[in-house]
Each structure stands twice: as structure tokens, then as C-alpha cells.
Amino acid sequence: MTGSSAGAARTPRAALAELLTGNRRFVSGQPVHGHDVTAAAAVASGDQQPYAVLLGCIDSRVPLEAIFDQTFGSICVIRTGAHVLDRAVCGSIEYVVGQLGVPLVMVLGHERCGAVASAVDTLRTGERPGGSLAYLVDQIAPAVTEVGADDPRAHPMAVRRHVLRTVAALRADDLLTGPVAAGRVDVVGAVYDLATGEVTLLDR
């Protein structure tokens, strides 16, 4: 994204429109940036002027810059298993919003998420994983409980519920509630379809 487009995307609505337009380019096979990850492209990006911060999953099939057709300097990206929040993630988002003036936070879940599947399996079998994976499962488990672990569609429904729970947690963050209430920042949730490449916004 050029400096002029960055300036045009300084409101939550404009930032969201920019992201979704990029996803449409990606889905149609007509990206502007075309995965240009050369050193020359990095140098040409100039000063950092991101217009959005995306919190997504670590899944290797969901490269956020690519699926939104973004270039160096346009978006900040944070990735954890099933976009689970911790203090480092929240602090990073608080920094981007507070210090860089980013107007949009997007939480992006995706179909066939392995971390969500682990949480569903744990609640169905009662067998809790060891190590720090248990922390991820514990953070996702409330979403699975809300949709019903025994429901045949528990996994896809839990993916969406977990996105919405993450959005709600961020909107309630002490340093984000003011900007959100004032309309300077928005926090939205969406799901990426691995089969089609499309990003669909979720209603809060």
C-alpha cells in the first residue's frame, strides 16, 4: 500500500474496506503485490504506516499478508495458535493502536483449525493435552462449551464463537475501550475459508 492509500485508510471503515478489497484481489488471482518479498521491496516501503493489525492463527496455510494482498508496511501481523490472547499479544495490539494510530483490529479465524479441533477433542474425550498446548486448549474450550462439544458441527461453530469471544475480549481491553467507544478504532472478527480463499466478516 502506498503512502497515499495509507492516508486514505485511517478510519476503521476505510481500513476494513482496504483489507477486503485486497482479499478480493487475492481470490480472483489478480494481486497487486504478487508476493513481492524481495529486499528491494522492503527498502521501498519507507516509513512504517500500517492501517490495520491482524491477529490470526499460526496455520501455515493462512499467510495474512498474502490473503489480503498487502505489501511491506501496510499491516501489522500477530499470530498465535487459534489467535489465542495473552499479555504479550494484548500489549502488542495496544502499542500498534496507541503509538502507530492504527484504526482497525481484525481477529481472523479459519476453517479446519487444528487448535480448535484439539479443544473439541479434549472436551469430548476428557483427555487434556500436556505442556503449553493445554493452555491453548483451555483458552479455546469456553467457545466449544458454548456451541456444545457433542454437536456434529462443533468444530466450525466453535471457530466462529472463538473469534467472537476474542473480539469481545479486545474491545473490553482497558486501553482499547476508549478509542473503540469514540469510533476511532474498531475490532472486527472474520473467518478465512481454506477452500475458496475468501474472508467472511462475522456479525458481533
Protein backbone atom coordinates (compact mmCIF):
# COMPACT_ATOMS: atom_id res chain seq x y z
CA MET A 1 0.00 0.00 0.00
CA THR A 2 1.38 3.37 -0.93
CA GLY A 3 1.61 6.30 1.43
CA SER A 4 -1.49 7.90 -0.15
CA SER A 5 -3.54 4.74 0.35
CA ALA A 6 -2.32 4.55 3.93
CA GLY A 7 -3.62 8.07 4.49
CA ALA A 8 -6.98 7.13 2.97
CA ALA A 9 -7.34 4.15 5.33
CA ARG A 10 -7.06 5.94 8.65
CA THR A 11 -10.65 5.32 9.71
CA PRO A 12 -11.96 1.90 10.78
CA ARG A 13 -14.38 1.75 7.82
CA ALA A 14 -11.76 2.68 5.22
CA ALA A 15 -9.24 0.27 6.72
CA LEU A 16 -11.71 -2.60 6.60
CA ALA A 17 -12.64 -1.77 3.01
CA GLU A 18 -8.95 -1.79 2.06
CA LEU A 19 -8.43 -5.22 3.61
CA LEU A 20 -11.48 -6.78 1.98
CA THR A 21 -10.59 -5.29 -1.41
CA GLY A 22 -7.19 -6.92 -1.09
CA ASN A 23 -8.81 -10.25 -0.28
CA ARG A 24 -10.98 -9.97 -3.41
CA ARG A 25 -7.84 -9.40 -5.48
CA PHE A 26 -6.29 -12.48 -3.87
CA VAL A 27 -9.35 -14.65 -4.51
CA SER A 28 -9.60 -13.52 -8.14
CA GLY A 29 -5.94 -14.33 -8.78
CA GLN A 30 -5.10 -10.71 -9.57
CA PRO A 31 -2.97 -9.49 -6.65
CA VAL A 32 -1.27 -6.14 -6.96
CA HIS A 33 1.71 -7.08 -4.84
CA GLY A 34 2.05 -10.68 -6.01
CA HIS A 35 4.10 -11.93 -3.07
CA ASP A 36 6.91 -9.49 -3.81
CA VAL A 37 9.13 -10.30 -0.84
CA THR A 38 12.43 -9.08 -2.22
CA ALA A 39 14.82 -6.93 -0.21
CA ALA A 40 14.25 -4.12 -2.71
CA ALA A 41 10.52 -4.18 -1.98
CA ALA A 42 11.24 -3.98 1.74
CA VAL A 43 13.53 -0.98 1.31
CA ALA A 44 10.99 0.77 -0.94
CA SER A 45 8.31 0.50 1.75
CA GLY A 46 9.74 3.56 3.56
CA ASP A 47 8.37 4.57 6.94
CA GLN A 48 6.01 2.30 8.80
CA GLN A 49 2.42 3.47 8.33
CA PRO A 50 0.22 0.43 8.95
CA TYR A 51 -3.54 0.88 8.76
CA ALA A 52 -4.58 -2.40 10.42
CA VAL A 53 -3.37 -5.03 12.85
CA LEU A 54 -4.40 -8.61 12.18
CA LEU A 55 -4.47 -11.30 14.85
CA GLY A 56 -4.57 -14.71 13.22
CA CYS A 57 -3.60 -18.34 13.64
CA ILE A 58 -0.13 -19.83 13.12
CA ASP A 59 -1.51 -22.19 10.45
CA SER A 60 0.94 -22.27 7.53
CA ARG A 61 -1.94 -22.20 5.04
CA VAL A 62 -3.07 -18.75 6.21
CA PRO A 63 -0.34 -16.20 5.35
CA LEU A 64 -2.11 -12.98 6.26
CA GLU A 65 -0.16 -10.56 4.05
CA ALA A 66 -0.86 -12.78 1.05
CA ILE A 67 -4.57 -13.43 1.55
CA PHE A 68 -5.21 -9.70 1.91
CA ASP A 69 -2.72 -8.80 -0.87
CA GLN A 70 -0.74 -6.42 1.32
CA THR A 71 2.82 -5.22 0.98
CA PHE A 72 5.57 -4.17 3.38
CA GLY A 73 4.49 -1.57 5.92
CA SER A 74 0.73 -1.84 5.37
CA ILE A 75 -0.42 -4.18 8.15
CA CYS A 76 0.91 -5.45 11.47
CA VAL A 77 0.51 -9.20 11.96
CA ILE A 78 0.31 -11.22 15.17
CA ARG A 79 -0.12 -14.98 15.03
CA THR A 80 -0.77 -17.49 17.80
CA GLY A 81 -2.44 -20.89 17.84
CA ALA A 82 -6.13 -20.16 17.14
CA HIS A 83 -5.40 -16.45 17.72
CA VAL A 84 -5.31 -17.04 21.49
CA LEU A 85 -4.73 -13.89 23.52
CA ASP A 86 -2.07 -13.43 26.18
CA ARG A 87 -0.50 -10.34 27.74
CA ALA A 88 2.16 -10.07 25.03
CA VAL A 89 -0.47 -10.14 22.28
CA CYS A 90 -2.68 -7.59 24.04
CA GLY A 91 0.30 -5.35 24.73
CA SER A 92 1.36 -5.52 21.10
CA ILE A 93 -2.11 -4.52 19.91
CA GLU A 94 -2.25 -1.72 22.48
CA TYR A 95 1.08 -0.43 21.14
CA VAL A 96 0.02 -0.52 17.49
CA VAL A 97 -3.27 1.25 18.22
CA GLY A 98 -1.88 3.75 20.72
CA GLN A 99 1.50 4.58 19.23
CA LEU A 100 1.01 4.00 15.49
CA GLY A 101 -2.60 5.19 15.30
CA VAL A 102 -3.91 2.05 13.62
CA PRO A 103 -7.74 2.30 13.33
CA LEU A 104 -8.61 -1.36 12.76
CA VAL A 105 -8.01 -4.62 14.60
CA MET A 106 -9.13 -7.79 12.84
CA VAL A 107 -9.31 -11.21 14.51
CA LEU A 108 -9.16 -13.86 11.80
CA GLY A 109 -10.07 -17.47 12.43
CA HIS A 110 -10.03 -20.14 9.73
CA GLU A 111 -11.78 -23.33 8.77
CA ARG A 112 -10.26 -26.65 9.86
CA CYS A 113 -8.24 -25.05 12.66
CA GLY A 114 -6.12 -27.68 14.41
CA ALA A 115 -6.04 -25.87 17.75
CA VAL A 116 -9.82 -25.65 17.84
CA ALA A 117 -10.01 -29.33 16.88
CA SER A 118 -7.77 -30.13 19.87
CA ALA A 119 -10.14 -28.27 22.18
CA VAL A 120 -13.16 -30.09 20.76
CA ASP A 121 -11.41 -33.46 21.17
CA THR A 122 -10.42 -32.60 24.75
CA LEU A 123 -13.97 -31.78 25.77
CA ARG A 124 -15.34 -34.86 24.04
CA THR A 125 -12.83 -37.34 25.46
CA GLY A 126 -11.80 -35.68 28.72
CA GLU A 127 -8.15 -36.27 27.81
CA ARG A 128 -6.31 -32.98 28.35
CA PRO A 129 -3.03 -32.49 26.43
CA GLY A 130 0.21 -31.86 28.26
CA GLY A 131 2.61 -28.96 28.12
CA SER A 132 1.67 -25.48 26.99
CA LEU A 133 -0.76 -26.90 24.43
CA ALA A 134 -3.07 -27.30 27.42
CA TYR A 135 -3.04 -23.51 27.80
CA LEU A 136 -4.27 -23.07 24.23
CA VAL A 137 -6.98 -25.68 24.74
CA ASP A 138 -8.10 -24.01 27.97
CA GLN A 139 -8.46 -20.65 26.19
CA ILE A 140 -10.50 -22.14 23.34
CA ALA A 141 -12.61 -24.50 25.47
CA PRO A 142 -15.25 -21.90 26.51
CA ALA A 143 -16.17 -21.39 22.85
CA VAL A 144 -16.56 -25.15 22.38
CA THR A 145 -18.69 -25.39 25.53
CA GLU A 146 -20.95 -22.59 24.31
CA VAL A 147 -21.69 -24.30 20.99
CA GLY A 148 -21.84 -27.81 22.50
CA ALA A 149 -18.92 -30.20 22.18
CA ASP A 150 -21.13 -33.08 21.07
CA ASP A 151 -22.78 -31.15 18.25
CA PRO A 152 -21.71 -32.63 14.87
CA ARG A 153 -20.82 -29.09 13.73
CA ALA A 154 -18.99 -28.22 16.94
CA HIS A 155 -15.71 -27.51 15.17
CA PRO A 156 -16.84 -24.92 12.59
CA MET A 157 -19.23 -23.33 15.08
CA ALA A 158 -16.51 -23.15 17.74
CA VAL A 159 -14.14 -21.49 15.25
CA ARG A 160 -16.65 -18.68 14.83
CA ARG A 161 -17.57 -18.47 18.51
CA HIS A 162 -13.91 -18.29 19.49
CA VAL A 163 -13.35 -15.42 17.02
CA LEU A 164 -16.27 -13.51 18.53
CA ARG A 165 -15.06 -14.15 22.08
CA THR A 166 -11.60 -12.84 21.12
CA VAL A 167 -13.16 -9.74 19.56
CA ALA A 168 -15.18 -9.12 22.73
CA ALA A 169 -12.09 -9.51 24.92
CA LEU A 170 -10.13 -7.00 22.84
CA ARG A 171 -12.99 -4.49 22.79
CA ALA A 172 -13.03 -4.72 26.60
CA ASP A 173 -9.26 -4.15 26.86
CA ASP A 174 -8.51 -1.22 29.18
CA LEU A 175 -6.54 0.72 26.56
CA LEU A 176 -8.88 -0.03 23.65
CA THR A 177 -12.30 0.66 25.14
CA GLY A 178 -11.90 4.45 24.89
CA PRO A 179 -10.82 4.57 21.22
CA VAL A 180 -13.49 1.98 20.32
CA ALA A 181 -16.23 3.94 22.10
CA ALA A 182 -15.11 7.12 20.36
CA GLY A 183 -15.26 5.43 16.94
CA ARG A 184 -11.54 5.95 16.25
CA VAL A 185 -10.85 2.20 16.36
CA ASP A 186 -12.89 -0.86 15.52
CA VAL A 187 -12.31 -4.51 16.36
CA VAL A 188 -13.87 -6.96 13.91
CA GLY A 189 -13.94 -10.73 13.51
CA ALA A 190 -13.74 -12.78 10.35
CA VAL A 191 -13.17 -16.33 9.13
CA TYR A 192 -10.93 -17.47 6.27
CA ASP A 193 -12.14 -20.29 4.03
CA LEU A 194 -9.23 -22.55 3.10
CA ALA A 195 -11.15 -23.95 0.12
CA THR A 196 -12.03 -20.67 -1.57
CA GLY A 197 -9.56 -18.14 -0.11
CA GLU A 198 -12.45 -15.86 0.88
CA VAL A 199 -12.64 -13.89 4.11
CA THR A 200 -16.12 -13.51 5.61
CA LEU A 201 -16.90 -10.95 8.31
CA LEU A 202 -18.79 -12.17 11.38
CA ASP A 203 -21.65 -10.22 12.93
CA ARG A 204 -20.97 -9.28 16.53
